[in-house]
Amino acid sequence: MFKIEKSGVAATTENSLSFSELVSIVKKLPRSKKIKLSQEIEKETLDSTLTTLLSSFKTKRLSQREIDLEVEIVRSQLYAKKK
């Protein structure tokens, strides 16, 4: 579904466009509209990428004890390197 605005009047249509038709329409847009469209696409893509990235970092909940243990391991390794 596409929202089409013409002369300030908004209309909704159920017609589908092929990719080549969409590209053809975009090519006819003024430069300022192309930039705005590009920014919207970039924002949507970035949101999707960020969501995917954040979900990849999800882990089980760590207890304070587990965190402390890991900190001590790293500290010991760093201390051993300094010797």
PDB file of N, CA and C in Angstrom:
ATOM      1  N   MET A   1       0.844  -1.168   0.000  1.00  0.00           N
ATOM      2  CA  MET A   1       0.000   0.000   0.000  1.00  0.00           C
ATOM      3  C   MET A   1       0.888   1.228   0.000  1.00  0.00           C
ATOM      4  N   PHE A   2       0.594   2.201  -0.847  1.00  0.00           N
ATOM      5  CA  PHE A   2       1.386   3.401  -0.960  1.00  0.00           C
ATOM      6  C   PHE A   2       0.518   4.610  -0.688  1.00  0.00           C
ATOM      7  N   LYS A   3       1.081   5.582   0.003  1.00  0.00           N
ATOM      8  CA  LYS A   3       0.378   6.834   0.241  1.00  0.00           C
ATOM      9  C   LYS A   3       0.843   7.823  -0.811  1.00  0.00           C
ATOM     10  N   ILE A   4      -0.081   8.354  -1.540  1.00  0.00           N
ATOM     11  CA  ILE A   4       0.247   9.279  -2.617  1.00  0.00           C
ATOM     12  C   ILE A   4      -0.291  10.653  -2.257  1.00  0.00           C
ATOM     13  N   GLU A   5       0.589  11.657  -2.279  1.00  0.00           N
ATOM     14  CA  GLU A   5       0.161  13.017  -1.999  1.00  0.00           C
ATOM     15  C   GLU A   5       0.274  13.836  -3.268  1.00  0.00           C
ATOM     16  N   LYS A   6      -0.802  14.477  -3.595  1.00  0.00           N
ATOM     17  CA  LYS A   6      -0.807  15.318  -4.786  1.00  0.00           C
ATOM     18  C   LYS A   6      -1.564  16.593  -4.445  1.00  0.00           C
ATOM     19  N   SER A   7      -0.925  17.713  -4.617  1.00  0.00           N
ATOM     20  CA  SER A   7      -1.529  19.016  -4.323  1.00  0.00           C
ATOM     21  C   SER A   7      -2.054  19.088  -2.898  1.00  0.00           C
ATOM     22  N   GLY A   8      -1.335  18.471  -1.955  1.00  0.00           N
ATOM     23  CA  GLY A   8      -1.720  18.537  -0.554  1.00  0.00           C
ATOM     24  C   GLY A   8      -2.824  17.569  -0.171  1.00  0.00           C
ATOM     25  N   VAL A   9      -3.358  16.819  -1.128  1.00  0.00           N
ATOM     26  CA  VAL A   9      -4.414  15.860  -0.848  1.00  0.00           C
ATOM     27  C   VAL A   9      -3.782  14.471  -0.771  1.00  0.00           C
ATOM     28  N   ALA A  10      -4.016  13.794   0.341  1.00  0.00           N
ATOM     29  CA  ALA A  10      -3.432  12.462   0.519  1.00  0.00           C
ATOM     30  C   ALA A  10      -4.436  11.390   0.113  1.00  0.00           C
ATOM     31  N   ALA A  11      -3.940  10.368  -0.543  1.00  0.00           N
ATOM     32  CA  ALA A  11      -4.784   9.249  -0.936  1.00  0.00           C
ATOM     33  C   ALA A  11      -4.009   7.963  -0.709  1.00  0.00           C
ATOM     34  N   THR A  12      -4.715   6.896  -0.420  1.00  0.00           N
ATOM     35  CA  THR A  12      -4.075   5.604  -0.222  1.00  0.00           C
ATOM     36  C   THR A  12      -4.503   4.681  -1.346  1.00  0.00           C
ATOM     37  N   THR A  13      -3.543   3.938  -1.852  1.00  0.00           N
ATOM     38  CA  THR A  13      -3.864   3.034  -2.953  1.00  0.00           C
ATOM     39  C   THR A  13      -3.343   1.633  -2.629  1.00  0.00           C
ATOM     40  N   GLU A  14      -3.991   0.648  -3.164  1.00  0.00           N
ATOM     41  CA  GLU A  14      -3.603  -0.751  -2.962  1.00  0.00           C
ATOM     42  C   GLU A  14      -2.747  -1.249  -4.115  1.00  0.00           C
ATOM     43  N   ASN A  15      -2.496  -0.412  -5.117  1.00  0.00           N
ATOM     44  CA  ASN A  15      -1.713  -0.835  -6.279  1.00  0.00           C
ATOM     45  C   ASN A  15      -0.286  -1.133  -5.862  1.00  0.00           C
ATOM     46  N   SER A  16       0.258  -2.180  -6.449  1.00  0.00           N
ATOM     47  CA  SER A  16       1.655  -2.499  -6.165  1.00  0.00           C
ATOM     48  C   SER A  16       2.512  -2.075  -7.341  1.00  0.00           C
ATOM     49  N   LEU A  17       3.745  -1.690  -7.031  1.00  0.00           N
ATOM     50  CA  LEU A  17       4.687  -1.264  -8.051  1.00  0.00           C
ATOM     51  C   LEU A  17       5.825  -2.259  -8.133  1.00  0.00           C
ATOM     52  N   SER A  18       6.328  -2.427  -9.310  1.00  0.00           N
ATOM     53  CA  SER A  18       7.528  -3.246  -9.459  1.00  0.00           C
ATOM     54  C   SER A  18       8.720  -2.400  -9.017  1.00  0.00           C
ATOM     55  N   PHE A  19       9.832  -3.045  -8.782  1.00  0.00           N
ATOM     56  CA  PHE A  19      11.023  -2.322  -8.361  1.00  0.00           C
ATOM     57  C   PHE A  19      11.435  -1.307  -9.422  1.00  0.00           C
ATOM     58  N   SER A  20      11.392  -1.702 -10.691  1.00  0.00           N
ATOM     59  CA  SER A  20      11.792  -0.786 -11.769  1.00  0.00           C
ATOM     60  C   SER A  20      10.850   0.416 -11.860  1.00  0.00           C
ATOM     61  N   GLU A  21       9.559   0.194 -11.598  1.00  0.00           N
ATOM     62  CA  GLU A  21       8.614   1.316 -11.594  1.00  0.00           C
ATOM     63  C   GLU A  21       8.921   2.271 -10.447  1.00  0.00           C
ATOM     64  N   LEU A  22       9.246   1.698  -9.304  1.00  0.00           N
ATOM     65  CA  LEU A  22       9.586   2.519  -8.144  1.00  0.00           C
ATOM     66  C   LEU A  22      10.843   3.336  -8.419  1.00  0.00           C
ATOM     67  N   VAL A  23      11.843   2.718  -9.014  1.00  0.00           N
ATOM     68  CA  VAL A  23      13.088   3.418  -9.355  1.00  0.00           C
ATOM     69  C   VAL A  23      12.798   4.550 -10.338  1.00  0.00           C
ATOM     70  N   SER A  24      11.947   4.272 -11.298  1.00  0.00           N
ATOM     71  CA  SER A  24      11.572   5.287 -12.283  1.00  0.00           C
ATOM     72  C   SER A  24      10.910   6.487 -11.615  1.00  0.00           C
ATOM     73  N   ILE A  25      10.038   6.228 -10.656  1.00  0.00           N
ATOM     74  CA  ILE A  25       9.361   7.307  -9.934  1.00  0.00           C
ATOM     75  C   ILE A  25      10.372   8.107  -9.119  1.00  0.00           C
ATOM     76  N   VAL A  26      11.264   7.407  -8.444  1.00  0.00           N
ATOM     77  CA  VAL A  26      12.268   8.081  -7.614  1.00  0.00           C
ATOM     78  C   VAL A  26      13.163   8.970  -8.469  1.00  0.00           C
ATOM     79  N   LYS A  27      13.517   8.505  -9.661  1.00  0.00           N
ATOM     80  CA  LYS A  27      14.365   9.297 -10.554  1.00  0.00           C
ATOM     81  C   LYS A  27      13.695  10.608 -10.960  1.00  0.00           C
ATOM     82  N   LYS A  28      12.384  10.630 -10.955  1.00  0.00           N
ATOM     83  CA  LYS A  28      11.645  11.832 -11.347  1.00  0.00           C
ATOM     84  C   LYS A  28      11.481  12.828 -10.199  1.00  0.00           C
ATOM     85  N   LEU A  29      11.807  12.408  -8.984  1.00  0.00           N
ATOM     86  CA  LEU A  29      11.671  13.292  -7.828  1.00  0.00           C
ATOM     87  C   LEU A  29      12.703  14.408  -7.873  1.00  0.00           C
ATOM     88  N   PRO A  30      12.348  15.555  -7.291  1.00  0.00           N
ATOM     89  CA  PRO A  30      13.362  16.615  -7.169  1.00  0.00           C
ATOM     90  C   PRO A  30      14.465  16.168  -6.196  1.00  0.00           C
ATOM     91  N   ARG A  31      15.618  16.761  -6.335  1.00  0.00           N
ATOM     92  CA  ARG A  31      16.781  16.375  -5.528  1.00  0.00           C
ATOM     93  C   ARG A  31      16.469  16.391  -4.035  1.00  0.00           C
ATOM     94  N   SER A  32      15.775  17.401  -3.559  1.00  0.00           N
ATOM     95  CA  SER A  32      15.479  17.515  -2.116  1.00  0.00           C
ATOM     96  C   SER A  32      14.631  16.341  -1.622  1.00  0.00           C
ATOM     97  N   LYS A  33      13.697  15.889  -2.450  1.00  0.00           N
ATOM     98  CA  LYS A  33      12.853  14.742  -2.073  1.00  0.00           C
ATOM     99  C   LYS A  33      13.653  13.443  -2.096  1.00  0.00           C
ATOM    100  N   LYS A  34      14.587  13.336  -3.056  1.00  0.00           N
ATOM    101  CA  LYS A  34      15.449  12.159  -3.115  1.00  0.00           C
ATOM    102  C   LYS A  34      16.309  12.063  -1.857  1.00  0.00           C
ATOM    103  N   ILE A  35      16.829  13.207  -1.418  1.00  0.00           N
ATOM    104  CA  ILE A  35      17.655  13.231  -0.204  1.00  0.00           C
ATOM    105  C   ILE A  35      16.821  12.823   0.998  1.00  0.00           C
ATOM    106  N   LYS A  36      15.614  13.360   1.097  1.00  0.00           N
ATOM    107  CA  LYS A  36      14.737  13.017   2.220  1.00  0.00           C
ATOM    108  C   LYS A  36      14.386  11.527   2.188  1.00  0.00           C
ATOM    109  N   LEU A  37      14.087  10.991   1.017  1.00  0.00           N
ATOM    110  CA  LEU A  37      13.790   9.566   0.873  1.00  0.00           C
ATOM    111  C   LEU A  37      14.993   8.722   1.272  1.00  0.00           C
ATOM    112  N   SER A  38      16.158   9.136   0.842  1.00  0.00           N
ATOM    113  CA  SER A  38      17.389   8.434   1.186  1.00  0.00           C
ATOM    114  C   SER A  38      17.612   8.417   2.694  1.00  0.00           C
ATOM    115  N   GLN A  39      17.359   9.537   3.346  1.00  0.00           N
ATOM    116  CA  GLN A  39      17.514   9.621   4.804  1.00  0.00           C
ATOM    117  C   GLN A  39      16.528   8.706   5.517  1.00  0.00           C
ATOM    118  N   GLU A  40      15.303   8.635   5.028  1.00  0.00           N
ATOM    119  CA  GLU A  40      14.301   7.761   5.632  1.00  0.00           C
ATOM    120  C   GLU A  40      14.690   6.285   5.480  1.00  0.00           C
ATOM    121  N   ILE A  41      15.174   5.932   4.302  1.00  0.00           N
ATOM    122  CA  ILE A  41      15.598   4.548   4.069  1.00  0.00           C
ATOM    123  C   ILE A  41      16.790   4.218   4.957  1.00  0.00           C
ATOM    124  N   GLU A  42      17.733   5.148   5.064  1.00  0.00           N
ATOM    125  CA  GLU A  42      18.907   4.937   5.907  1.00  0.00           C
ATOM    126  C   GLU A  42      18.505   4.769   7.369  1.00  0.00           C
ATOM    127  N   LYS A  43      17.566   5.582   7.822  1.00  0.00           N
ATOM    128  CA  LYS A  43      17.099   5.507   9.205  1.00  0.00           C
ATOM    129  C   LYS A  43      16.445   4.151   9.481  1.00  0.00           C
ATOM    130  N   GLU A  44      15.619   3.700   8.565  1.00  0.00           N
ATOM    131  CA  GLU A  44      14.947   2.409   8.725  1.00  0.00           C
ATOM    132  C   GLU A  44      15.959   1.267   8.725  1.00  0.00           C
ATOM    133  N   THR A  45      16.916   1.352   7.835  1.00  0.00           N
ATOM    134  CA  THR A  45      17.957   0.321   7.743  1.00  0.00           C
ATOM    135  C   THR A  45      18.815   0.317   8.998  1.00  0.00           C
ATOM    136  N   LEU A  46      19.161   1.495   9.482  1.00  0.00           N
ATOM    137  CA  LEU A  46      19.973   1.608  10.690  1.00  0.00           C
ATOM    138  C   LEU A  46      19.225   1.045  11.892  1.00  0.00           C
ATOM    139  N   ASP A  47      17.946   1.359  12.002  1.00  0.00           N
ATOM    140  CA  ASP A  47      17.137   0.822  13.103  1.00  0.00           C
ATOM    141  C   ASP A  47      17.135  -0.704  13.075  1.00  0.00           C
ATOM    142  N   SER A  48      16.962  -1.260  11.895  1.00  0.00           N
ATOM    143  CA  SER A  48      16.936  -2.711  11.750  1.00  0.00           C
ATOM    144  C   SER A  48      18.293  -3.319  12.087  1.00  0.00           C
ATOM    145  N   THR A  49      19.354  -2.695  11.604  1.00  0.00           N
ATOM    146  CA  THR A  49      20.711  -3.181  11.871  1.00  0.00           C
ATOM    147  C   THR A  49      21.028  -3.106  13.352  1.00  0.00           C
ATOM    148  N   LEU A  50      20.647  -2.001  13.989  1.00  0.00           N
ATOM    149  CA  LEU A  50      20.906  -1.832  15.417  1.00  0.00           C
ATOM    150  C   LEU A  50      20.146  -2.866  16.232  1.00  0.00           C
ATOM    151  N   THR A  51      18.910  -3.127  15.883  1.00  0.00           N
ATOM    152  CA  THR A  51      18.114  -4.139  16.576  1.00  0.00           C
ATOM    153  C   THR A  51      18.767  -5.512  16.452  1.00  0.00           C
ATOM    154  N   THR A  52      19.219  -5.844  15.253  1.00  0.00           N
ATOM    155  CA  THR A  52      19.890  -7.122  15.030  1.00  0.00           C
ATOM    156  C   THR A  52      21.179  -7.205  15.838  1.00  0.00           C
ATOM    157  N   LEU A  53      21.940  -6.125  15.845  1.00  0.00           N
ATOM    158  CA  LEU A  53      23.197  -6.093  16.583  1.00  0.00           C
ATOM    159  C   LEU A  53      22.954  -6.244  18.082  1.00  0.00           C
ATOM    160  N   LEU A  54      22.002  -5.513  18.607  1.00  0.00           N
ATOM    161  CA  LEU A  54      21.708  -5.601  20.033  1.00  0.00           C
ATOM    162  C   LEU A  54      21.215  -6.983  20.428  1.00  0.00           C
ATOM    163  N   SER A  55      20.416  -7.592  19.589  1.00  0.00           N
ATOM    164  CA  SER A  55      19.916  -8.925  19.923  1.00  0.00           C
ATOM    165  C   SER A  55      21.034  -9.963  19.891  1.00  0.00           C
ATOM    166  N   SER A  56      22.066  -9.719  19.086  1.00  0.00           N
ATOM    167  CA  SER A  56      23.183 -10.666  19.037  1.00  0.00           C
ATOM    168  C   SER A  56      24.028 -10.612  20.310  1.00  0.00           C
ATOM    169  N   PHE A  57      23.945  -9.511  21.051  1.00  0.00           N
ATOM    170  CA  PHE A  57      24.704  -9.375  22.288  1.00  0.00           C
ATOM    171  C   PHE A  57      23.943  -9.862  23.515  1.00  0.00           C
ATOM    172  N   LYS A  58      22.713 -10.258  23.334  1.00  0.00           N
ATOM    173  CA  LYS A  58      21.932 -10.746  24.475  1.00  0.00           C
ATOM    174  C   LYS A  58      22.608 -11.974  25.068  1.00  0.00           C
ATOM    175  N   THR A  59      22.623 -12.023  26.360  1.00  0.00           N
ATOM    176  CA  THR A  59      23.241 -13.139  27.051  1.00  0.00           C
ATOM    177  C   THR A  59      22.412 -13.439  28.286  1.00  0.00           C
ATOM    178  N   LYS A  60      22.731 -14.540  28.888  1.00  0.00           N
ATOM    179  CA  LYS A  60      22.012 -14.852  30.117  1.00  0.00           C
ATOM    180  C   LYS A  60      22.400 -13.836  31.179  1.00  0.00           C
ATOM    181  N   ARG A  61      21.582 -13.673  32.126  1.00  0.00           N
ATOM    182  CA  ARG A  61      21.839 -12.718  33.199  1.00  0.00           C
ATOM    183  C   ARG A  61      23.019 -13.227  34.029  1.00  0.00           C
ATOM    184  N   LEU A  62      23.948 -12.330  34.309  1.00  0.00           N
ATOM    185  CA  LEU A  62      25.132 -12.690  35.090  1.00  0.00           C
ATOM    186  C   LEU A  62      24.957 -12.262  36.537  1.00  0.00           C
ATOM    187  N   SER A  63      25.391 -13.101  37.431  1.00  0.00           N
ATOM    188  CA  SER A  63      25.339 -12.747  38.849  1.00  0.00           C
ATOM    189  C   SER A  63      26.555 -11.891  39.187  1.00  0.00           C
ATOM    190  N   GLN A  64      26.480 -11.186  40.280  1.00  0.00           N
ATOM    191  CA  GLN A  64      27.609 -10.373  40.723  1.00  0.00           C
ATOM    192  C   GLN A  64      28.828 -11.258  40.991  1.00  0.00           C
ATOM    193  N   ARG A  65      28.586 -12.442  41.496  1.00  0.00           N
ATOM    194  CA  ARG A  65      29.677 -13.386  41.775  1.00  0.00           C
ATOM    195  C   ARG A  65      30.414 -13.763  40.490  1.00  0.00           C
ATOM    196  N   GLU A  66      29.654 -14.032  39.413  1.00  0.00           N
ATOM    197  CA  GLU A  66      30.272 -14.374  38.129  1.00  0.00           C
ATOM    198  C   GLU A  66      31.082 -13.198  37.576  1.00  0.00           C
ATOM    199  N   ILE A  67      30.539 -12.009  37.721  1.00  0.00           N
ATOM    200  CA  ILE A  67      31.243 -10.809  37.256  1.00  0.00           C
ATOM    201  C   ILE A  67      32.538 -10.623  38.036  1.00  0.00           C
ATOM    202  N   ASP A  68      32.456 -10.738  39.365  1.00  0.00           N
ATOM    203  CA  ASP A  68      33.642 -10.581  40.212  1.00  0.00           C
ATOM    204  C   ASP A  68      34.711 -11.607  39.859  1.00  0.00           C
ATOM    205  N   LEU A  69      34.298 -12.834  39.623  1.00  0.00           N
ATOM    206  CA  LEU A  69      35.240 -13.893  39.268  1.00  0.00           C
ATOM    207  C   LEU A  69      35.959 -13.562  37.960  1.00  0.00           C
ATOM    208  N   GLU A  70      35.212 -13.113  36.957  1.00  0.00           N
ATOM    209  CA  GLU A  70      35.810 -12.760  35.671  1.00  0.00           C
ATOM    210  C   GLU A  70      36.764 -11.578  35.820  1.00  0.00           C
ATOM    211  N   VAL A  71      36.390 -10.598  36.615  1.00  0.00           N
ATOM    212  CA  VAL A  71      37.257  -9.437  36.860  1.00  0.00           C
ATOM    213  C   VAL A  71      38.567  -9.887  37.495  1.00  0.00           C
ATOM    214  N   GLU A  72      38.484 -10.760  38.454  1.00  0.00           N
ATOM    215  CA  GLU A  72      39.695 -11.259  39.116  1.00  0.00           C
ATOM    216  C   GLU A  72      40.597 -12.022  38.150  1.00  0.00           C
ATOM    217  N   ILE A  73      40.005 -12.790  37.250  1.00  0.00           N
ATOM    218  CA  ILE A  73      40.785 -13.530  36.254  1.00  0.00           C
ATOM    219  C   ILE A  73      41.545 -12.552  35.356  1.00  0.00           C
ATOM    220  N   VAL A  74      40.859 -11.543  34.886  1.00  0.00           N
ATOM    221  CA  VAL A  74      41.490 -10.554  33.997  1.00  0.00           C
ATOM    222  C   VAL A  74      42.568  -9.785  34.752  1.00  0.00           C
ATOM    223  N   ARG A  75      42.275  -9.386  35.965  1.00  0.00           N
ATOM    224  CA  ARG A  75      43.280  -8.668  36.770  1.00  0.00           C
ATOM    225  C   ARG A  75      44.524  -9.528  36.964  1.00  0.00           C
ATOM    226  N   SER A  76      44.344 -10.793  37.256  1.00  0.00           N
ATOM    227  CA  SER A  76      45.480 -11.698  37.448  1.00  0.00           C
ATOM    228  C   SER A  76      46.312 -11.812  36.178  1.00  0.00           C
ATOM    229  N   GLN A  77      45.630 -11.903  35.039  1.00  0.00           N
ATOM    230  CA  GLN A  77      46.334 -11.997  33.760  1.00  0.00           C
ATOM    231  C   GLN A  77      47.127 -10.718  33.481  1.00  0.00           C
ATOM    232  N   LEU A  78      46.516  -9.579  33.735  1.00  0.00           N
ATOM    233  CA  LEU A  78      47.209  -8.306  33.519  1.00  0.00           C
ATOM    234  C   LEU A  78      48.400  -8.156  34.458  1.00  0.00           C
ATOM    235  N   TYR A  79      48.236  -8.559  35.700  1.00  0.00           N
ATOM    236  CA  TYR A  79      49.311  -8.492  36.693  1.00  0.00           C
ATOM    237  C   TYR A  79      50.465  -9.401  36.278  1.00  0.00           C
ATOM    238  N   ALA A  80      50.146 -10.593  35.767  1.00  0.00           N
ATOM    239  CA  ALA A  80      51.177 -11.542  35.339  1.00  0.00           C
ATOM    240  C   ALA A  80      51.957 -10.981  34.148  1.00  0.00           C
ATOM    241  N   LYS A  81      51.309 -10.246  33.263  1.00  0.00           N
ATOM    242  CA  LYS A  81      51.982  -9.664  32.106  1.00  0.00           C
ATOM    243  C   LYS A  81      52.967  -8.564  32.513  1.00  0.00           C
ATOM    244  N   LYS A  82      52.652  -7.854  33.604  1.00  0.00           N
ATOM    245  CA  LYS A  82      53.504  -6.753  34.065  1.00  0.00           C
ATOM    246  C   LYS A  82      54.817  -7.257  34.669  1.00  0.00           C
ATOM    247  N   LYS A  83      54.821  -8.490  35.155  1.00  0.00           N
ATOM    248  CA  LYS A  83      56.034  -9.059  35.808  1.00  0.00           C
ATOM    249  C   LYS A  83      57.111  -9.352  34.830  1.00  0.00           C
TER     250      LYS A  83
END
